[in-house]
N, C-alpha and C. Protein backbone atom coordinates (compact mmCIF):
# COMPACT_ATOMS: atom_id res chain seq x y z
N MET A 1 130.93 61.15 107.59
CA MET A 1 130.85 62.06 106.46
C MET A 1 132.26 62.41 105.98
N LYS A 2 132.48 62.35 104.69
CA LYS A 2 133.78 62.66 104.10
C LYS A 2 134.03 64.17 104.13
N SER A 3 135.24 64.54 104.49
CA SER A 3 135.62 65.95 104.53
C SER A 3 135.69 66.51 103.11
N ASN A 4 135.25 67.76 102.96
CA ASN A 4 135.29 68.44 101.67
C ASN A 4 136.36 69.54 101.67
N ARG A 5 137.26 69.51 102.65
CA ARG A 5 138.28 70.55 102.75
C ARG A 5 139.30 70.43 101.62
N LEU A 6 139.78 71.57 101.21
CA LEU A 6 140.80 71.63 100.17
C LEU A 6 141.77 72.74 100.57
N LYS A 7 143.02 72.37 100.79
CA LYS A 7 144.01 73.32 101.28
C LYS A 7 144.10 74.54 100.36
N GLY A 8 144.04 75.72 100.99
CA GLY A 8 144.16 76.96 100.25
C GLY A 8 142.86 77.49 99.67
N HIS A 9 141.76 76.81 99.98
CA HIS A 9 140.47 77.21 99.43
C HIS A 9 139.41 77.23 100.52
N ALA A 10 139.04 78.43 100.91
CA ALA A 10 137.99 78.64 101.90
C ALA A 10 137.07 79.74 101.40
N LEU A 11 135.81 79.61 101.68
CA LEU A 11 134.83 80.61 101.26
C LEU A 11 134.92 81.80 102.21
N ARG A 12 135.19 82.96 101.66
CA ARG A 12 135.33 84.17 102.50
C ARG A 12 134.04 84.51 103.19
N ASN A 13 134.14 84.79 104.47
CA ASN A 13 133.03 85.20 105.33
C ASN A 13 131.81 84.30 105.21
N LYS A 14 132.04 83.01 105.05
CA LYS A 14 130.98 82.00 104.98
C LYS A 14 129.99 82.25 103.86
N GLY A 15 130.36 83.04 102.87
CA GLY A 15 129.48 83.30 101.74
C GLY A 15 128.50 84.44 101.94
N HIS A 16 128.64 85.17 103.04
CA HIS A 16 127.73 86.30 103.29
C HIS A 16 127.95 87.39 102.25
N ALA A 17 126.91 88.14 101.97
CA ALA A 17 126.99 89.21 100.98
C ALA A 17 127.90 90.33 101.47
N MET A 18 128.58 90.98 100.53
CA MET A 18 129.52 92.05 100.86
C MET A 18 129.22 93.27 100.02
N ASP A 19 129.29 94.42 100.63
CA ASP A 19 129.14 95.67 99.91
C ASP A 19 130.49 95.97 99.27
N THR A 20 130.61 95.68 98.00
CA THR A 20 131.90 95.81 97.34
C THR A 20 132.38 97.26 97.24
N GLY A 21 131.48 98.21 97.37
CA GLY A 21 131.88 99.61 97.29
C GLY A 21 132.70 100.05 98.50
N LYS A 22 132.36 99.55 99.67
CA LYS A 22 133.04 99.95 100.89
C LYS A 22 133.84 98.82 101.51
N GLY A 23 133.65 97.60 101.03
CA GLY A 23 134.39 96.46 101.56
C GLY A 23 133.89 95.95 102.89
N ALA A 24 132.71 96.40 103.31
CA ALA A 24 132.16 95.95 104.59
C ALA A 24 131.11 94.86 104.36
N TRP A 25 131.08 93.88 105.24
CA TRP A 25 130.07 92.83 105.12
C TRP A 25 128.72 93.41 105.49
N ARG A 26 127.70 93.14 104.67
CA ARG A 26 126.40 93.77 104.89
C ARG A 26 125.34 92.83 105.38
N GLY A 27 125.60 91.55 105.48
CA GLY A 27 124.58 90.64 106.00
C GLY A 27 124.63 89.29 105.35
N ILE A 28 123.68 88.47 105.67
CA ILE A 28 123.69 87.08 105.23
C ILE A 28 123.25 86.93 103.78
N ASN A 29 122.13 87.50 103.41
CA ASN A 29 121.59 87.30 102.07
C ASN A 29 121.71 88.54 101.20
N GLY A 30 121.26 88.40 99.98
CA GLY A 30 121.34 89.48 99.02
C GLY A 30 122.25 89.07 97.89
N PRO A 31 122.10 89.69 96.74
CA PRO A 31 122.92 89.33 95.59
C PRO A 31 124.38 89.72 95.77
N ASP A 32 125.25 88.80 95.43
CA ASP A 32 126.69 89.05 95.49
C ASP A 32 127.39 87.84 94.88
N VAL A 33 128.68 87.95 94.68
CA VAL A 33 129.46 86.82 94.19
C VAL A 33 130.06 86.07 95.38
N ALA A 34 130.34 84.79 95.19
CA ALA A 34 131.08 84.02 96.19
C ALA A 34 132.55 84.29 95.96
N ARG A 35 133.31 84.41 97.04
CA ARG A 35 134.74 84.69 96.94
C ARG A 35 135.51 83.61 97.68
N CYS A 36 136.38 82.94 96.98
CA CYS A 36 137.26 81.95 97.59
C CYS A 36 138.55 82.65 97.99
N THR A 37 139.22 82.14 99.00
CA THR A 37 140.48 82.74 99.43
C THR A 37 141.57 82.63 98.37
N CYS A 38 141.37 81.77 97.36
CA CYS A 38 142.36 81.66 96.28
C CYS A 38 142.18 82.78 95.24
N GLY A 39 141.09 83.55 95.37
CA GLY A 39 140.84 84.64 94.44
C GLY A 39 139.74 84.37 93.43
N ALA A 40 139.28 83.13 93.35
CA ALA A 40 138.20 82.79 92.41
C ALA A 40 136.88 83.38 92.89
N THR A 41 136.04 83.77 91.93
CA THR A 41 134.71 84.29 92.25
C THR A 41 133.68 83.61 91.36
N SER A 42 132.46 83.55 91.88
CA SER A 42 131.34 82.99 91.12
C SER A 42 130.63 84.10 90.36
N ASP A 43 129.62 83.73 89.60
CA ASP A 43 128.70 84.73 89.07
C ASP A 43 127.92 85.29 90.24
N VAL A 44 127.11 86.32 90.03
CA VAL A 44 126.28 86.87 91.10
C VAL A 44 125.24 85.82 91.49
N LEU A 45 125.18 85.54 92.80
CA LEU A 45 124.22 84.59 93.35
C LEU A 45 123.37 85.30 94.39
N ASN A 46 122.13 84.86 94.56
CA ASN A 46 121.17 85.61 95.37
C ASN A 46 121.11 85.29 96.85
N SER A 47 121.86 84.30 97.33
CA SER A 47 121.78 83.96 98.75
C SER A 47 123.11 83.38 99.24
N THR A 48 123.26 83.40 100.55
CA THR A 48 124.43 82.79 101.17
C THR A 48 124.48 81.31 100.82
N TYR A 49 123.33 80.64 100.91
CA TYR A 49 123.28 79.21 100.60
C TYR A 49 123.78 78.93 99.17
N ALA A 50 123.36 79.75 98.22
CA ALA A 50 123.78 79.55 96.83
C ALA A 50 125.29 79.75 96.69
N ARG A 51 125.85 80.70 97.42
CA ARG A 51 127.30 80.93 97.36
C ARG A 51 128.06 79.76 98.01
N GLN A 52 127.54 79.25 99.12
CA GLN A 52 128.16 78.08 99.75
C GLN A 52 128.07 76.86 98.85
N LYS A 53 126.95 76.69 98.19
CA LYS A 53 126.76 75.56 97.28
C LYS A 53 127.73 75.67 96.09
N TRP A 54 127.91 76.86 95.54
CA TRP A 54 128.87 77.05 94.44
C TRP A 54 130.26 76.60 94.88
N HIS A 55 130.67 77.03 96.06
CA HIS A 55 132.01 76.69 96.55
C HIS A 55 132.16 75.19 96.75
N ARG A 56 131.16 74.56 97.32
CA ARG A 56 131.19 73.13 97.64
C ARG A 56 131.01 72.24 96.41
N GLU A 57 130.10 72.63 95.51
CA GLU A 57 129.71 71.73 94.42
C GLU A 57 130.24 72.12 93.04
N THR A 58 130.79 73.31 92.90
CA THR A 58 131.32 73.73 91.60
C THR A 58 132.83 74.02 91.66
N HIS A 59 133.22 74.94 92.54
CA HIS A 59 134.61 75.37 92.59
C HIS A 59 135.56 74.25 93.03
N LYS A 60 135.33 73.66 94.18
CA LYS A 60 136.24 72.63 94.69
C LYS A 60 136.30 71.40 93.78
N PRO A 61 135.17 70.86 93.30
CA PRO A 61 135.27 69.71 92.39
C PRO A 61 136.05 70.02 91.11
N ALA A 62 135.93 71.23 90.60
CA ALA A 62 136.68 71.61 89.40
C ALA A 62 138.18 71.59 89.68
N LEU A 63 138.59 72.06 90.83
CA LEU A 63 140.00 72.05 91.21
C LEU A 63 140.51 70.63 91.39
N ARG A 64 139.71 69.80 92.02
CA ARG A 64 140.11 68.40 92.22
C ARG A 64 140.27 67.67 90.89
N ALA A 65 139.41 67.97 89.95
CA ALA A 65 139.49 67.33 88.62
C ALA A 65 140.80 67.70 87.94
N VAL A 66 141.23 68.94 88.09
CA VAL A 66 142.50 69.39 87.49
C VAL A 66 143.67 68.70 88.18
N GLU A 67 143.60 68.57 89.52
CA GLU A 67 144.68 67.93 90.28
C GLU A 67 144.85 66.46 89.91
N GLU A 68 143.76 65.80 89.55
CA GLU A 68 143.80 64.37 89.24
C GLU A 68 144.42 64.09 87.88
N ARG A 69 144.59 65.08 87.05
CA ARG A 69 145.16 64.87 85.71
C ARG A 69 146.63 64.58 85.76
């Protein structure tokens, strides 16, 4: 399997939902945005899986496309 790693880009807390009011992680699922360590965020997504998928299939490929130019 080909690695999907991209230096400087990791999904914070594996995509788990975060209580943005207090900054504490509140659990695996629930609506929240995905947060990359580079500072990028997704729209509100309803599950950890959806946030992981955004990072893997939307955020990283977009960055790679820019790098290839």
